[in-house]
Amino acid sequence: MGQILAIDYGKARCGIAATDDMQIIASGLDTVQTSLMVEFLKKYFNENKVDEVVIGLPVDLKGNISEVETDILKFIDIFKNEFPTVKVNRFDERFTSKMASFFISQSGKNKKQRQQKGLIDKVSATIILQNFLEQRTR
């Protein structure tokens, strides 16, 4: 069994989280510039067995899809061409950034650390992945 990777896709950078090999625990992995994602994933997949990827689905409270979805769909096409054997899942990412900010604020980090957008992206990816795992076990 391999890992599941989650991507909180953004125009500038992407937060990334991964499970353990037993697909039980979600952990923040990294934040990567969006322009470098494919290179990062090639290296990561070369060093780790990854069965699936979960990419956030940016939906607002009214159920409307965010404009970044166009970029995400382009990324998914590139991803499927580069990694055809890795299954791609989508998962609603509503509230993940707000939840990530809240969890970071409760962690005891100072104000400067809490405002690091890369940290928020990585924690958001972790929340997406944890929610995906919980839904899967129901």
Protein backbone atom coordinates (compact mmCIF):
# COMPACT_ATOMS: atom_id res chain seq x y z
CA MET A 1 0.00 0.00 0.00
CA GLY A 2 1.26 3.46 -0.85
CA GLN A 3 0.64 6.96 0.40
CA ILE A 4 -2.13 9.36 -0.44
CA LEU A 5 -0.96 12.89 -1.22
CA ALA A 6 -3.15 15.99 -0.86
CA ILE A 7 -2.65 19.23 -2.75
CA ASP A 8 -4.12 22.56 -1.72
CA TYR A 9 -3.61 24.18 -5.11
CA GLY A 10 -3.01 27.91 -5.37
CA LYS A 11 -1.91 30.23 -8.15
CA ALA A 12 1.36 31.10 -6.40
CA ARG A 13 2.03 28.06 -4.20
CA CYS A 14 0.57 24.71 -3.23
CA GLY A 15 0.34 23.15 0.18
CA ILE A 16 1.11 19.45 0.25
CA ALA A 17 0.27 16.77 2.80
CA ALA A 18 0.81 13.02 2.77
CA THR A 19 -0.37 9.97 4.63
CA ASP A 20 1.83 7.31 6.08
CA ASP A 21 2.15 4.13 4.00
CA MET A 22 -0.81 2.57 5.85
CA GLN A 23 -2.98 5.57 4.85
CA ILE A 24 -3.99 6.29 8.45
CA ILE A 25 -2.40 9.61 9.44
CA ALA A 26 -2.28 12.85 7.43
CA SER A 27 0.79 15.05 7.95
CA GLY A 28 1.84 18.35 6.43
CA LEU A 29 4.66 17.77 3.98
CA ASP A 30 5.70 20.99 2.27
CA THR A 31 4.72 24.15 0.44
CA VAL A 32 5.90 24.36 -3.16
CA GLN A 33 5.74 27.12 -5.75
CA THR A 34 3.03 26.17 -8.21
CA SER A 35 5.40 26.54 -11.15
CA LEU A 36 7.64 23.85 -9.59
CA MET A 37 4.92 21.34 -8.66
CA VAL A 38 5.53 18.80 -11.43
CA GLU A 39 9.27 18.73 -10.69
CA PHE A 40 8.58 18.32 -6.97
CA LEU A 41 6.08 15.51 -7.60
CA LYS A 42 8.43 13.65 -9.96
CA LYS A 43 11.10 13.62 -7.28
CA TYR A 44 8.66 12.72 -4.52
CA PHE A 45 7.02 9.89 -6.52
CA ASN A 46 10.46 8.56 -7.41
CA GLU A 47 11.31 8.28 -3.69
CA ASN A 48 7.87 7.25 -2.32
CA LYS A 49 5.04 4.97 -3.41
CA VAL A 50 1.94 7.11 -3.92
CA ASP A 51 -1.35 5.43 -4.82
CA GLU A 52 -3.65 8.45 -4.97
CA VAL A 53 -3.73 12.22 -4.95
CA VAL A 54 -6.47 14.39 -3.46
CA ILE A 55 -6.79 17.87 -4.94
CA GLY A 56 -8.95 20.46 -3.23
CA LEU A 57 -12.17 21.53 -4.93
CA PRO A 58 -12.60 25.28 -4.32
CA VAL A 59 -16.31 25.77 -3.61
CA ASP A 60 -17.86 28.75 -1.81
CA LEU A 61 -20.78 28.70 0.63
CA LYS A 62 -23.31 28.97 -2.20
CA GLY A 63 -21.79 26.02 -4.04
CA ASN A 64 -20.10 28.16 -6.71
CA ILE A 65 -16.72 27.07 -8.01
CA SER A 66 -13.87 29.55 -7.51
CA GLU A 67 -12.05 30.99 -10.52
CA VAL A 68 -8.86 29.11 -9.56
CA GLU A 69 -10.66 25.93 -10.67
CA THR A 70 -9.67 26.69 -14.28
CA ASP A 71 -6.01 26.54 -13.27
CA ILE A 72 -6.60 23.41 -11.18
CA LEU A 73 -8.18 21.61 -14.15
CA LYS A 74 -5.16 22.49 -16.31
CA PHE A 75 -2.88 21.17 -13.57
CA ILE A 76 -4.90 17.95 -13.35
CA ASP A 77 -4.50 17.40 -17.11
CA ILE A 78 -0.74 17.85 -16.80
CA PHE A 79 -0.68 15.61 -13.73
CA LYS A 80 -2.58 12.80 -15.48
CA ASN A 81 -0.18 12.97 -18.43
CA GLU A 82 2.89 12.85 -16.18
CA PHE A 83 1.55 10.29 -13.68
CA PRO A 84 -1.10 8.19 -15.46
CA THR A 85 -1.10 5.40 -12.85
CA VAL A 86 -1.88 7.70 -9.89
CA LYS A 87 -5.59 8.08 -9.15
CA VAL A 88 -6.84 11.68 -8.81
CA ASN A 89 -9.60 12.50 -6.32
CA ARG A 90 -11.27 15.85 -5.70
CA PHE A 91 -12.42 16.94 -2.26
CA ASP A 92 -14.35 19.99 -1.08
CA GLU A 93 -11.92 22.41 0.53
CA ARG A 94 -14.45 24.82 2.04
CA PHE A 95 -13.25 26.43 5.27
CA THR A 96 -9.85 24.70 5.21
CA SER A 97 -7.88 27.98 5.14
CA LYS A 98 -9.93 29.40 8.01
CA MET A 99 -9.57 26.17 9.98
CA ALA A 100 -5.84 26.13 9.26
CA SER A 101 -5.47 29.71 10.50
CA PHE A 102 -7.40 28.83 13.66
CA PHE A 103 -5.33 25.72 14.38
CA ILE A 104 -2.10 27.63 13.79
CA SER A 105 -3.24 30.41 16.13
CA GLN A 106 -3.93 27.80 18.82
CA SER A 107 -0.53 26.17 18.37
CA GLY A 108 1.43 28.82 20.27
CA LYS A 109 3.24 30.16 17.20
CA ASN A 110 4.06 33.87 17.28
CA LYS A 111 2.20 36.36 15.07
CA LYS A 112 4.85 36.39 12.34
CA GLN A 113 4.83 32.58 12.12
CA ARG A 114 1.01 32.49 12.09
CA GLN A 115 0.89 34.85 9.12
CA GLN A 116 3.13 32.75 6.90
CA LYS A 117 0.88 31.84 3.98
CA GLY A 118 2.95 28.79 3.14
CA LEU A 119 2.25 27.35 6.58
CA ILE A 120 -1.48 27.96 6.11
CA ASP A 121 -1.34 26.19 2.72
CA LYS A 122 0.45 23.17 4.19
CA VAL A 123 -1.99 22.91 7.10
CA SER A 124 -4.92 23.34 4.69
CA ALA A 125 -3.65 20.40 2.63
CA THR A 126 -3.40 18.36 5.82
CA ILE A 127 -7.01 19.19 6.73
CA ILE A 128 -8.19 18.27 3.22
CA LEU A 129 -6.38 14.94 3.47
CA GLN A 130 -7.59 14.18 6.99
CA ASN A 131 -11.20 14.95 5.99
CA PHE A 132 -10.79 12.76 2.90
CA LEU A 133 -9.52 9.87 5.05
CA GLU A 134 -12.36 10.28 7.56
CA GLN A 135 -15.00 10.31 4.81
CA ARG A 136 -13.46 7.24 3.23
CA THR A 137 -13.74 5.22 6.45
CA ARG A 138 -17.45 6.06 6.93
